Amino acid sequence: MEPAEYVISIKEESLDSIPKIIEQLNSLGATNVKTLSSLGIIIAFLTKDTVDVVSKIEGVAGVEPSRDIRISTPNENTDFI
């Protein structure tokens, strides 16, 4: 199964556990792991079959597929037909 990028949210009370959570992610085969520790966010490539396991790691609040978000400039036409 092809890995995809996921955003893993960490519970506020578990922010100190981020290094331990990253170890668990690595042991599950997560790749390209990046952290935004002050925000409680970990970004990693996971296979679809590991997402359920990751969501059950102690301290994890949620696991969502990564999405690109485009914010238009003030002068950009945003009328979509």
N, C-alpha and C. Protein backbone atom coordinates (compact mmCIF):
# COMPACT_ATOMS: atom_id res chain seq x y z
N MET A 1 0.84 -1.17 0.00
CA MET A 1 0.00 0.00 0.00
C MET A 1 0.89 1.24 0.00
N GLU A 2 0.53 2.20 -0.83
CA GLU A 2 1.32 3.43 -1.00
C GLU A 2 1.12 4.38 0.18
N PRO A 3 2.21 4.86 0.80
CA PRO A 3 2.07 5.81 1.91
C PRO A 3 1.54 7.16 1.43
N ALA A 4 0.82 7.83 2.30
CA ALA A 4 0.31 9.17 2.02
C ALA A 4 0.63 10.05 3.23
N GLU A 5 0.61 11.36 3.01
CA GLU A 5 0.93 12.28 4.09
C GLU A 5 -0.28 12.51 4.99
N TYR A 6 -0.04 12.41 6.30
CA TYR A 6 -1.08 12.61 7.32
C TYR A 6 -0.62 13.64 8.34
N VAL A 7 -1.60 14.34 8.91
CA VAL A 7 -1.36 15.29 9.99
C VAL A 7 -1.86 14.64 11.27
N ILE A 8 -0.97 14.53 12.25
CA ILE A 8 -1.29 13.88 13.52
C ILE A 8 -1.33 14.97 14.59
N SER A 9 -2.50 15.12 15.20
CA SER A 9 -2.68 16.12 16.25
C SER A 9 -2.42 15.47 17.60
N ILE A 10 -1.68 16.18 18.44
CA ILE A 10 -1.33 15.68 19.77
C ILE A 10 -2.15 16.43 20.82
N LYS A 11 -2.66 15.68 21.80
CA LYS A 11 -3.42 16.30 22.89
C LYS A 11 -2.51 17.27 23.65
N GLU A 12 -3.08 18.38 24.07
CA GLU A 12 -2.31 19.42 24.75
C GLU A 12 -1.56 18.88 25.97
N GLU A 13 -2.21 18.01 26.72
CA GLU A 13 -1.57 17.46 27.92
C GLU A 13 -0.47 16.43 27.60
N SER A 14 -0.32 16.10 26.31
CA SER A 14 0.68 15.11 25.91
C SER A 14 1.82 15.70 25.08
N LEU A 15 1.91 17.03 25.04
CA LEU A 15 2.96 17.67 24.23
C LEU A 15 4.36 17.22 24.63
N ASP A 16 4.57 16.96 25.91
CA ASP A 16 5.89 16.49 26.36
C ASP A 16 6.20 15.08 25.87
N SER A 17 5.20 14.37 25.39
CA SER A 17 5.37 12.99 24.92
C SER A 17 5.66 12.90 23.43
N ILE A 18 5.80 14.02 22.75
CA ILE A 18 6.02 13.99 21.30
C ILE A 18 7.22 13.12 20.91
N PRO A 19 8.38 13.22 21.58
CA PRO A 19 9.49 12.33 21.19
C PRO A 19 9.12 10.84 21.29
N LYS A 20 8.39 10.47 22.32
CA LYS A 20 7.97 9.07 22.48
C LYS A 20 6.99 8.68 21.38
N ILE A 21 6.08 9.58 21.03
CA ILE A 21 5.12 9.31 19.96
C ILE A 21 5.84 9.14 18.63
N ILE A 22 6.86 9.97 18.40
CA ILE A 22 7.64 9.85 17.16
C ILE A 22 8.35 8.50 17.09
N GLU A 23 8.87 8.03 18.21
CA GLU A 23 9.49 6.70 18.25
C GLU A 23 8.49 5.63 17.84
N GLN A 24 7.27 5.74 18.36
CA GLN A 24 6.24 4.77 18.01
C GLN A 24 5.88 4.86 16.53
N LEU A 25 5.80 6.07 16.00
CA LEU A 25 5.51 6.24 14.58
C LEU A 25 6.60 5.59 13.73
N ASN A 26 7.86 5.82 14.11
CA ASN A 26 8.97 5.22 13.37
C ASN A 26 8.91 3.70 13.41
N SER A 27 8.54 3.14 14.56
CA SER A 27 8.46 1.68 14.67
C SER A 27 7.32 1.11 13.83
N LEU A 28 6.33 1.96 13.52
CA LEU A 28 5.22 1.53 12.66
C LEU A 28 5.53 1.74 11.18
N GLY A 29 6.70 2.30 10.88
CA GLY A 29 7.09 2.49 9.49
C GLY A 29 6.80 3.86 8.93
N ALA A 30 6.48 4.82 9.78
CA ALA A 30 6.24 6.18 9.30
C ALA A 30 7.52 6.75 8.70
N THR A 31 7.37 7.53 7.65
CA THR A 31 8.54 8.15 7.00
C THR A 31 8.31 9.65 6.88
N ASN A 32 9.40 10.37 6.58
CA ASN A 32 9.36 11.83 6.40
C ASN A 32 8.65 12.52 7.57
N VAL A 33 9.00 12.13 8.78
CA VAL A 33 8.35 12.67 9.98
C VAL A 33 8.85 14.08 10.25
N LYS A 34 7.91 15.02 10.37
CA LYS A 34 8.23 16.41 10.70
C LYS A 34 7.37 16.81 11.90
N THR A 35 7.91 17.68 12.73
CA THR A 35 7.14 18.09 13.90
C THR A 35 6.99 19.60 13.96
N LEU A 36 5.85 20.00 14.46
CA LEU A 36 5.58 21.38 14.83
C LEU A 36 5.21 21.29 16.31
N SER A 37 6.22 21.06 17.12
CA SER A 37 6.02 20.73 18.54
C SER A 37 5.20 21.77 19.29
N SER A 38 5.46 23.04 19.05
CA SER A 38 4.73 24.07 19.80
C SER A 38 3.25 24.09 19.45
N LEU A 39 2.90 23.54 18.29
CA LEU A 39 1.50 23.46 17.88
C LEU A 39 0.87 22.10 18.19
N GLY A 40 1.70 21.14 18.58
CA GLY A 40 1.19 19.80 18.85
C GLY A 40 0.83 19.06 17.58
N ILE A 41 1.64 19.25 16.53
CA ILE A 41 1.37 18.64 15.23
C ILE A 41 2.58 17.82 14.78
N ILE A 42 2.30 16.63 14.28
CA ILE A 42 3.32 15.81 13.63
C ILE A 42 2.80 15.52 12.23
N ILE A 43 3.67 15.67 11.24
CA ILE A 43 3.32 15.35 9.86
C ILE A 43 4.19 14.17 9.45
N ALA A 44 3.55 13.14 8.89
CA ALA A 44 4.29 11.94 8.53
C ALA A 44 3.59 11.20 7.39
N PHE A 45 4.38 10.44 6.66
CA PHE A 45 3.81 9.57 5.64
C PHE A 45 3.50 8.22 6.29
N LEU A 46 2.24 7.80 6.15
CA LEU A 46 1.75 6.55 6.73
C LEU A 46 1.02 5.75 5.66
N THR A 47 1.00 4.44 5.84
CA THR A 47 0.14 3.63 4.98
C THR A 47 -1.26 3.64 5.59
N LYS A 48 -2.24 3.44 4.75
CA LYS A 48 -3.63 3.51 5.21
C LYS A 48 -3.92 2.51 6.34
N ASP A 49 -3.27 1.35 6.29
CA ASP A 49 -3.55 0.33 7.31
C ASP A 49 -2.91 0.66 8.67
N THR A 50 -2.00 1.63 8.73
CA THR A 50 -1.42 2.01 10.03
C THR A 50 -2.13 3.20 10.66
N VAL A 51 -3.01 3.87 9.93
CA VAL A 51 -3.69 5.06 10.44
C VAL A 51 -4.49 4.73 11.70
N ASP A 52 -5.23 3.63 11.69
CA ASP A 52 -6.02 3.25 12.87
C ASP A 52 -5.13 2.99 14.08
N VAL A 53 -3.99 2.35 13.85
CA VAL A 53 -3.05 2.06 14.94
C VAL A 53 -2.51 3.37 15.51
N VAL A 54 -2.13 4.29 14.61
CA VAL A 54 -1.58 5.58 15.05
C VAL A 54 -2.62 6.36 15.86
N SER A 55 -3.88 6.30 15.44
CA SER A 55 -4.92 7.05 16.16
C SER A 55 -5.13 6.54 17.58
N LYS A 56 -4.67 5.32 17.86
CA LYS A 56 -4.84 4.74 19.20
C LYS A 56 -3.60 4.92 20.09
N ILE A 57 -2.56 5.56 19.57
CA ILE A 57 -1.37 5.82 20.38
C ILE A 57 -1.75 6.81 21.47
N GLU A 58 -1.32 6.52 22.68
CA GLU A 58 -1.63 7.41 23.80
C GLU A 58 -1.08 8.81 23.53
N GLY A 59 -1.94 9.81 23.67
CA GLY A 59 -1.55 11.19 23.44
C GLY A 59 -1.96 11.74 22.09
N VAL A 60 -2.36 10.85 21.17
CA VAL A 60 -2.79 11.30 19.84
C VAL A 60 -4.25 11.71 19.91
N ALA A 61 -4.53 12.92 19.45
CA ALA A 61 -5.91 13.43 19.44
C ALA A 61 -6.62 13.08 18.14
N GLY A 62 -5.88 13.01 17.04
CA GLY A 62 -6.50 12.71 15.75
C GLY A 62 -5.49 12.53 14.65
N VAL A 63 -5.91 11.85 13.59
CA VAL A 63 -5.08 11.62 12.41
C VAL A 63 -5.93 11.95 11.19
N GLU A 64 -5.46 12.90 10.39
CA GLU A 64 -6.20 13.35 9.22
C GLU A 64 -5.28 13.36 8.00
N PRO A 65 -5.83 13.05 6.83
CA PRO A 65 -5.01 13.19 5.62
C PRO A 65 -4.57 14.65 5.44
N SER A 66 -3.35 14.84 5.00
CA SER A 66 -2.85 16.18 4.73
C SER A 66 -3.57 16.74 3.51
N ARG A 67 -3.86 18.04 3.54
CA ARG A 67 -4.52 18.69 2.41
C ARG A 67 -3.81 19.97 2.06
N ASP A 68 -3.81 20.30 0.79
CA ASP A 68 -3.30 21.60 0.35
C ASP A 68 -4.43 22.61 0.48
N ILE A 69 -4.11 23.72 1.08
CA ILE A 69 -5.09 24.79 1.22
C ILE A 69 -4.54 26.01 0.50
N ARG A 70 -5.34 26.55 -0.37
CA ARG A 70 -4.92 27.72 -1.14
C ARG A 70 -5.72 28.92 -0.67
N ILE A 71 -5.02 29.96 -0.29
CA ILE A 71 -5.66 31.20 0.15
C ILE A 71 -5.44 32.24 -0.94
N SER A 72 -6.54 32.79 -1.43
CA SER A 72 -6.43 33.76 -2.51
C SER A 72 -5.93 35.10 -1.99
N THR A 73 -5.36 35.86 -2.89
CA THR A 73 -4.93 37.21 -2.55
C THR A 73 -6.15 38.13 -2.55
N PRO A 74 -6.04 39.28 -1.91
CA PRO A 74 -7.22 40.18 -1.85
C PRO A 74 -7.76 40.60 -3.19
N ASN A 75 -6.92 40.69 -4.21
CA ASN A 75 -7.36 41.15 -5.53
C ASN A 75 -7.72 40.01 -6.47
N GLU A 76 -7.60 38.79 -6.01
CA GLU A 76 -7.86 37.63 -6.88
C GLU A 76 -9.35 37.36 -6.98
N ASN A 77 -9.78 37.06 -8.18
CA ASN A 77 -11.19 36.72 -8.41
C ASN A 77 -11.47 35.36 -7.77
N THR A 78 -12.40 35.31 -6.86
CA THR A 78 -12.73 34.06 -6.19
C THR A 78 -14.12 33.56 -6.55
N ASP A 79 -14.70 34.13 -7.60
CA ASP A 79 -16.01 33.65 -8.07
C ASP A 79 -15.80 32.36 -8.85
N PHE A 80 -16.34 31.29 -8.34
CA PHE A 80 -16.20 29.99 -8.99
C PHE A 80 -17.54 29.62 -9.61
N ILE A 81 -17.49 29.17 -10.83
CA ILE A 81 -18.72 28.79 -11.53
C ILE A 81 -18.84 27.29 -11.53
